[in-house]
Amino acid sequence: MRDPIPDIDAFEERAAIVEYDGGLSRSRAEDVAAQAQGFHDADHYWQVLADYVVTRRLK
């Protein structure tokens, strides 16, 4: 199965909203933002984004 396409603008916006409005830590807010895009957690999101920047393609 192919990883979803990371959307950095949506990720940052969602994480900020969840952190501020939801009172979550930044780390937990990033997990929520990543999951909203179909990733397992923020670590998975950042790894896919980094791989895409280096290889210019998704796995």
N, C-alpha and C. Protein backbone atom coordinates (compact mmCIF):
# COMPACT_ATOMS: atom_id res chain seq x y z
N MET A 1 0.82 -1.18 0.00
CA MET A 1 0.00 0.00 0.00
C MET A 1 0.87 1.25 0.00
N ARG A 2 0.50 2.19 -0.79
CA ARG A 2 1.26 3.42 -0.93
C ARG A 2 0.96 4.38 0.23
N ASP A 3 2.00 5.06 0.72
CA ASP A 3 1.81 6.07 1.76
C ASP A 3 1.04 7.25 1.19
N PRO A 4 0.25 7.93 2.04
CA PRO A 4 -0.45 9.13 1.57
C PRO A 4 0.55 10.24 1.24
N ILE A 5 0.12 11.22 0.50
CA ILE A 5 0.97 12.36 0.16
C ILE A 5 0.96 13.34 1.33
N PRO A 6 2.13 13.66 1.89
CA PRO A 6 2.18 14.59 3.01
C PRO A 6 1.81 16.01 2.56
N ASP A 7 0.96 16.67 3.33
CA ASP A 7 0.57 18.05 3.08
C ASP A 7 1.05 18.87 4.28
N ILE A 8 2.22 19.52 4.12
CA ILE A 8 2.86 20.20 5.24
C ILE A 8 2.02 21.36 5.76
N ASP A 9 1.36 22.11 4.87
CA ASP A 9 0.54 23.23 5.33
C ASP A 9 -0.63 22.75 6.18
N ALA A 10 -1.32 21.72 5.71
CA ALA A 10 -2.44 21.18 6.47
C ALA A 10 -1.96 20.58 7.78
N PHE A 11 -0.82 19.91 7.75
CA PHE A 11 -0.26 19.30 8.95
C PHE A 11 0.04 20.35 10.01
N GLU A 12 0.75 21.40 9.62
CA GLU A 12 1.13 22.45 10.57
C GLU A 12 -0.10 23.18 11.12
N GLU A 13 -1.06 23.46 10.25
CA GLU A 13 -2.27 24.14 10.69
C GLU A 13 -3.07 23.28 11.67
N ARG A 14 -3.27 22.02 11.31
CA ARG A 14 -4.03 21.12 12.18
C ARG A 14 -3.33 20.94 13.53
N ALA A 15 -2.01 20.76 13.50
CA ALA A 15 -1.28 20.58 14.76
C ALA A 15 -1.40 21.82 15.65
N ALA A 16 -1.31 23.00 15.07
CA ALA A 16 -1.42 24.23 15.84
C ALA A 16 -2.81 24.38 16.46
N ILE A 17 -3.83 24.07 15.68
CA ILE A 17 -5.20 24.17 16.17
C ILE A 17 -5.44 23.18 17.31
N VAL A 18 -5.02 21.95 17.09
CA VAL A 18 -5.23 20.92 18.11
C VAL A 18 -4.44 21.24 19.38
N GLU A 19 -3.23 21.75 19.22
CA GLU A 19 -2.41 22.11 20.38
C GLU A 19 -3.07 23.25 21.15
N TYR A 20 -3.48 24.29 20.45
CA TYR A 20 -4.04 25.47 21.11
C TYR A 20 -5.46 25.23 21.63
N ASP A 21 -6.34 24.80 20.75
CA ASP A 21 -7.74 24.62 21.13
C ASP A 21 -7.96 23.38 21.99
N GLY A 22 -7.20 22.34 21.71
CA GLY A 22 -7.41 21.09 22.43
C GLY A 22 -6.57 20.94 23.68
N GLY A 23 -5.58 21.83 23.83
CA GLY A 23 -4.74 21.78 25.01
C GLY A 23 -3.78 20.61 25.04
N LEU A 24 -3.50 20.04 23.87
CA LEU A 24 -2.57 18.91 23.81
C LEU A 24 -1.14 19.40 23.71
N SER A 25 -0.21 18.54 24.06
CA SER A 25 1.20 18.87 23.87
C SER A 25 1.46 18.95 22.37
N ARG A 26 2.54 19.61 21.98
CA ARG A 26 2.86 19.73 20.56
C ARG A 26 3.08 18.34 19.96
N SER A 27 3.75 17.48 20.68
CA SER A 27 4.01 16.14 20.18
C SER A 27 2.71 15.38 19.90
N ARG A 28 1.80 15.42 20.84
CA ARG A 28 0.50 14.72 20.66
C ARG A 28 -0.31 15.39 19.56
N ALA A 29 -0.26 16.72 19.47
CA ALA A 29 -0.98 17.44 18.42
C ALA A 29 -0.46 17.06 17.04
N GLU A 30 0.86 16.86 16.91
CA GLU A 30 1.43 16.43 15.63
C GLU A 30 0.99 15.01 15.29
N ASP A 31 0.88 14.15 16.29
CA ASP A 31 0.36 12.80 16.03
C ASP A 31 -1.06 12.87 15.48
N VAL A 32 -1.89 13.71 16.10
CA VAL A 32 -3.28 13.86 15.64
C VAL A 32 -3.31 14.40 14.21
N ALA A 33 -2.49 15.41 13.94
CA ALA A 33 -2.45 16.00 12.60
C ALA A 33 -1.99 14.98 11.56
N ALA A 34 -1.01 14.16 11.92
CA ALA A 34 -0.51 13.14 11.00
C ALA A 34 -1.59 12.08 10.75
N GLN A 35 -2.28 11.68 11.79
CA GLN A 35 -3.33 10.67 11.65
C GLN A 35 -4.48 11.20 10.80
N ALA A 36 -4.74 12.50 10.85
CA ALA A 36 -5.79 13.10 10.03
C ALA A 36 -5.48 12.98 8.54
N GLN A 37 -4.20 12.83 8.21
CA GLN A 37 -3.78 12.65 6.82
C GLN A 37 -3.57 11.19 6.45
N GLY A 38 -3.80 10.29 7.39
CA GLY A 38 -3.69 8.87 7.09
C GLY A 38 -2.37 8.23 7.48
N PHE A 39 -1.54 8.94 8.23
CA PHE A 39 -0.27 8.39 8.71
C PHE A 39 -0.48 7.76 10.08
N HIS A 40 0.44 6.89 10.50
CA HIS A 40 0.33 6.22 11.80
C HIS A 40 0.50 7.23 12.93
N ASP A 41 1.51 8.09 12.80
CA ASP A 41 1.81 9.10 13.81
C ASP A 41 2.74 10.14 13.17
N ALA A 42 3.18 11.11 13.96
CA ALA A 42 4.03 12.17 13.43
C ALA A 42 5.37 11.63 12.92
N ASP A 43 5.93 10.64 13.59
CA ASP A 43 7.20 10.07 13.12
C ASP A 43 7.06 9.49 11.72
N HIS A 44 5.97 8.78 11.49
CA HIS A 44 5.71 8.21 10.17
C HIS A 44 5.54 9.32 9.13
N TYR A 45 4.78 10.35 9.49
CA TYR A 45 4.57 11.50 8.60
C TYR A 45 5.91 12.11 8.19
N TRP A 46 6.76 12.44 9.19
CA TRP A 46 8.03 13.09 8.90
C TRP A 46 8.96 12.18 8.10
N GLN A 47 8.92 10.88 8.34
CA GLN A 47 9.77 9.96 7.57
C GLN A 47 9.35 9.92 6.10
N VAL A 48 8.05 9.84 5.85
CA VAL A 48 7.55 9.83 4.47
C VAL A 48 7.90 11.15 3.79
N LEU A 49 7.74 12.26 4.48
CA LEU A 49 8.06 13.56 3.90
C LEU A 49 9.55 13.66 3.59
N ALA A 50 10.39 13.21 4.51
CA ALA A 50 11.84 13.24 4.28
C ALA A 50 12.23 12.36 3.10
N ASP A 51 11.67 11.17 3.03
CA ASP A 51 11.96 10.27 1.91
C ASP A 51 11.53 10.90 0.59
N TYR A 52 10.37 11.56 0.60
CA TYR A 52 9.87 12.20 -0.62
C TYR A 52 10.79 13.34 -1.06
N VAL A 53 11.28 14.12 -0.11
CA VAL A 53 12.17 15.23 -0.44
C VAL A 53 13.46 14.70 -1.08
N VAL A 54 13.96 13.60 -0.57
CA VAL A 54 15.21 13.04 -1.08
C VAL A 54 15.01 12.33 -2.43
N THR A 55 13.97 11.53 -2.54
CA THR A 55 13.80 10.70 -3.74
C THR A 55 12.83 11.29 -4.77
N ARG A 56 12.01 12.28 -4.33
CA ARG A 56 11.00 12.93 -5.17
C ARG A 56 9.93 11.96 -5.64
N ARG A 57 9.71 10.91 -4.84
CA ARG A 57 8.60 9.98 -5.13
C ARG A 57 8.18 9.30 -3.84
N LEU A 58 6.96 8.81 -3.86
CA LEU A 58 6.43 8.09 -2.70
C LEU A 58 6.63 6.62 -2.87
N LYS A 59 6.76 5.90 -1.77
CA LYS A 59 6.93 4.44 -1.82
C LYS A 59 5.61 3.78 -2.04
